[in-house]
C-alpha atoms as a PDB file:
ATOM      1  CA  UNK A   1      -7.855 -23.802  11.845  1.00  0.00           C
ATOM      2  CA  UNK A   2     -10.423 -26.403  11.244  1.00  0.00           C
ATOM      3  CA  UNK A   3     -13.689 -24.769  10.118  1.00  0.00           C
ATOM      4  CA  UNK A   4     -11.994 -21.457   9.379  1.00  0.00           C
ATOM      5  CA  UNK A   5     -10.622 -21.940   5.915  1.00  0.00           C
ATOM      6  CA  UNK A   6      -9.389 -19.043   3.916  1.00  0.00           C
ATOM      7  CA  UNK A   7     -11.802 -18.246   1.057  1.00  0.00           C
ATOM      8  CA  UNK A   8     -10.600 -19.350  -2.321  1.00  0.00           C
ATOM      9  CA  UNK A   9     -10.498 -16.565  -4.890  1.00  0.00           C
ATOM     10  CA  UNK A  10     -11.931 -18.546  -7.724  1.00  0.00           C
ATOM     11  CA  UNK A  11     -15.104 -16.558  -8.171  1.00  0.00           C
ATOM     12  CA  UNK A  12     -13.522 -13.885 -10.368  1.00  0.00           C
ATOM     13  CA  UNK A  13     -11.834 -16.459 -12.532  1.00  0.00           C
ATOM     14  CA  UNK A  14     -15.019 -18.474 -12.909  1.00  0.00           C
ATOM     15  CA  UNK A  15     -17.072 -15.373 -13.670  1.00  0.00           C
ATOM     16  CA  UNK A  16     -14.577 -14.259 -16.321  1.00  0.00           C
ATOM     17  CA  UNK A  17     -14.476 -17.753 -17.808  1.00  0.00           C
ATOM     18  CA  UNK A  18     -18.301 -17.966 -17.932  1.00  0.00           C
ATOM     19  CA  UNK A  19     -18.469 -14.515 -19.512  1.00  0.00           C
ATOM     20  CA  UNK A  20     -15.929 -15.539 -22.154  1.00  0.00           C
ATOM     21  CA  UNK A  21     -17.920 -18.681 -22.951  1.00  0.00           C
ATOM     22  CA  UNK A  22     -21.152 -16.653 -23.232  1.00  0.00           C
ATOM     23  CA  UNK A  23     -19.466 -14.184 -25.595  1.00  0.00           C
ATOM     24  CA  UNK A  24     -18.094 -17.003 -27.730  1.00  0.00           C
ATOM     25  CA  UNK A  25     -21.503 -18.664 -28.006  1.00  0.00           C
ATOM     26  CA  UNK A  26     -23.251 -15.378 -28.795  1.00  0.00           C
ATOM     27  CA  UNK A  27     -20.568 -14.497 -31.341  1.00  0.00           C
ATOM     28  CA  UNK A  28     -20.909 -17.859 -33.042  1.00  0.00           C
ATOM     29  CA  UNK A  29     -24.686 -17.477 -33.244  1.00  0.00           C
ATOM     30  CA  UNK A  30     -24.343 -13.947 -34.604  1.00  0.00           C
ATOM     31  CA  UNK A  31     -21.776 -15.041 -37.174  1.00  0.00           C
ATOM     32  CA  UNK A  32     -24.117 -17.764 -38.398  1.00  0.00           C
ATOM     33  CA  UNK A  33     -27.170 -15.509 -38.660  1.00  0.00           C
ATOM     34  CA  UNK A  34     -28.084 -15.157 -42.329  1.00  0.00           C
ATOM     35  CA  UNK A  35     -27.692 -11.709 -43.817  1.00  0.00           C
ATOM     36  CA  UNK A  36     -30.899  -9.936 -44.894  1.00  0.00           C
ATOM     37  CA  UNK A  37     -31.515 -10.725 -48.551  1.00  0.00           C
ATOM     38  CA  UNK A  38     -29.015 -13.584 -48.692  1.00  0.00           C
ATOM     39  CA  UNK A  39     -31.757 -16.156 -49.404  1.00  0.00           C
ATOM     40  CA  UNK A  40     -35.451 -16.467 -50.187  1.00  0.00           C
ATOM     41  CA  UNK A  41     -36.058 -17.025 -46.470  1.00  0.00           C
ATOM     42  CA  UNK A  42     -34.522 -13.616 -45.682  1.00  0.00           C
ATOM     43  CA  UNK A  43     -35.698 -11.825 -48.843  1.00  0.00           C
ATOM     44  CA  UNK A  44     -35.899  -8.057 -48.573  1.00  0.00           C
ATOM     45  CA  UNK A  45     -39.259  -6.346 -48.895  1.00  0.00           C
ATOM     46  CA  UNK A  46     -39.203  -2.836 -50.267  1.00  0.00           C
ATOM     47  CA  UNK A  47     -41.860  -0.765 -48.473  1.00  0.00           C
ATOM     48  CA  UNK A  48     -43.883   1.745 -50.441  1.00  0.00           C
ATOM     49  CA  UNK A  49     -43.314   0.110 -53.830  1.00  0.00           C
ATOM     50  CA  UNK A  50     -46.530  -0.246 -55.841  1.00  0.00           C
ATOM     51  CA  UNK A  51     -45.351  -0.845 -59.415  1.00  0.00           C
ATOM     52  CA  UNK A  52     -42.665  -2.908 -61.112  1.00  0.00           C
ATOM     53  CA  UNK A  53     -40.771   0.117 -62.431  1.00  0.00           C
ATOM     54  CA  UNK A  54     -40.587   1.590 -58.916  1.00  0.00           C
ATOM     55  CA  UNK A  55     -39.581  -1.799 -57.543  1.00  0.00           C
ATOM     56  CA  UNK A  56     -36.695  -2.303 -59.945  1.00  0.00           C
ATOM     57  CA  UNK A  57     -35.326   1.157 -59.147  1.00  0.00           C
ATOM     58  CA  UNK A  58     -35.793   0.581 -55.407  1.00  0.00           C
ATOM     59  CA  UNK A  59     -33.999  -2.783 -55.589  1.00  0.00           C
ATOM     60  CA  UNK A  60     -30.938  -1.334 -57.292  1.00  0.00           C
ATOM     61  CA  UNK A  61     -31.024   1.611 -54.879  1.00  0.00           C
ATOM     62  CA  UNK A  62     -31.057  -0.837 -51.974  1.00  0.00           C
ATOM     63  CA  UNK A  63     -28.037  -2.622 -53.416  1.00  0.00           C
ATOM     64  CA  UNK A  64     -26.124   0.671 -53.802  1.00  0.00           C
ATOM     65  CA  UNK A  65     -26.958   1.695 -50.222  1.00  0.00           C
ATOM     66  CA  UNK A  66     -26.401  -1.634 -48.448  1.00  0.00           C
ATOM     67  CA  UNK A  67     -23.752  -3.326 -50.588  1.00  0.00           C
ATOM     68  CA  UNK A  68     -21.310  -0.553 -51.527  1.00  0.00           C
ATOM     69  CA  UNK A  69     -18.704  -1.682 -54.003  1.00  0.00           C
ATOM     70  CA  UNK A  70     -20.814  -4.618 -55.179  1.00  0.00           C
ATOM     71  CA  UNK A  71     -21.734  -4.706 -58.831  1.00  0.00           C
ATOM     72  CA  UNK A  72     -25.192  -6.059 -59.783  1.00  0.00           C
ATOM     73  CA  UNK A  73     -25.166  -8.739 -62.450  1.00  0.00           C
ATOM     74  CA  UNK A  74     -27.633 -11.355 -63.665  1.00  0.00           C
ATOM     75  CA  UNK A  75     -31.206 -10.947 -62.499  1.00  0.00           C
ATOM     76  CA  UNK A  76     -33.673 -13.853 -62.145  1.00  0.00           C
ATOM     77  CA  UNK A  77     -37.361 -14.165 -61.315  1.00  0.00           C
ATOM     78  CA  UNK A  78     -38.107 -16.948 -58.835  1.00  0.00           C
ATOM     79  CA  UNK A  79     -41.326 -18.346 -57.384  1.00  0.00           C
ATOM     80  CA  UNK A  80     -41.681 -20.242 -54.125  1.00  0.00           C
ATOM     81  CA  UNK A  81     -44.821 -21.190 -52.184  1.00  0.00           C
ATOM     82  CA  UNK A  82     -46.991 -18.731 -54.105  1.00  0.00           C
ATOM     83  CA  UNK A  83     -44.626 -15.785 -53.667  1.00  0.00           C
ATOM     84  CA  UNK A  84     -42.492 -14.024 -56.290  1.00  0.00           C
ATOM     85  CA  UNK A  85     -38.842 -13.152 -55.746  1.00  0.00           C
ATOM     86  CA  UNK A  86     -36.181 -11.282 -57.650  1.00  0.00           C
ATOM     87  CA  UNK A  87     -32.601 -12.527 -57.346  1.00  0.00           C
ATOM     88  CA  UNK A  88     -29.742 -10.270 -58.391  1.00  0.00           C
ATOM     89  CA  UNK A  89     -26.223 -11.689 -58.566  1.00  0.00           C
ATOM     90  CA  UNK A  90     -23.527  -9.484 -57.036  1.00  0.00           C
ATOM     91  CA  UNK A  91     -19.831  -9.364 -57.785  1.00  0.00           C
ATOM     92  CA  UNK A  92     -16.984  -7.676 -56.002  1.00  0.00           C
ATOM     93  CA  UNK A  93     -14.716  -8.200 -53.012  1.00  0.00           C
ATOM     94  CA  UNK A  94     -16.652  -9.068 -49.850  1.00  0.00           C
ATOM     95  CA  UNK A  95     -20.033  -9.235 -51.598  1.00  0.00           C
ATOM     96  CA  UNK A  96     -22.618 -11.899 -50.937  1.00  0.00           C
ATOM     97  CA  UNK A  97     -23.295 -14.080 -53.980  1.00  0.00           C
ATOM     98  CA  UNK A  98     -26.814 -12.760 -54.606  1.00  0.00           C
ATOM     99  CA  UNK A  99     -29.447 -10.576 -53.002  1.00  0.00           C
ATOM    100  CA  UNK A 100     -33.106 -11.646 -52.920  1.00  0.00           C
ATOM    101  CA  UNK A 101     -36.121  -9.343 -52.924  1.00  0.00           C
ATOM    102  CA  UNK A 102     -39.713 -10.375 -52.171  1.00  0.00           C
ATOM    103  CA  UNK A 103     -41.609  -8.690 -55.027  1.00  0.00           C
ATOM    104  CA  UNK A 104     -44.981 -10.398 -54.502  1.00  0.00           C
ATOM    105  CA  UNK A 105     -46.813  -7.194 -53.507  1.00  0.00           C
ATOM    106  CA  UNK A 106     -46.029  -5.350 -56.736  1.00  0.00           C
ATOM    107  CA  UNK A 107     -45.146  -8.067 -59.248  1.00  0.00           C
ATOM    108  CA  UNK A 108     -47.110  -7.611 -62.479  1.00  0.00           C
ATOM    109  CA  UNK A 109     -48.468  -4.177 -61.570  1.00  0.00           C
END
């Protein structure tokens, strides 16, 4: 039997193991991806807003649509690297601590 070995059926096991590792790595990366609006770096821009009054309404509308069950609280104006941001604290089960909006385009208009 020398030279005529029976094939080892490891390939399926290895493929399944590699697939499981790839899923775990991808899942970990996805779980660590910051949520839109969870920081200044991921601040939400509200398209079509041209004035502050429209922007405030659009921001609270965004919160209602994307964070159901979260209650808006304290609002703060922030500046970073020449840009203006609005931070709104959220409260409620499963809510992020605050949502950030990039308001540079319409701030003061």
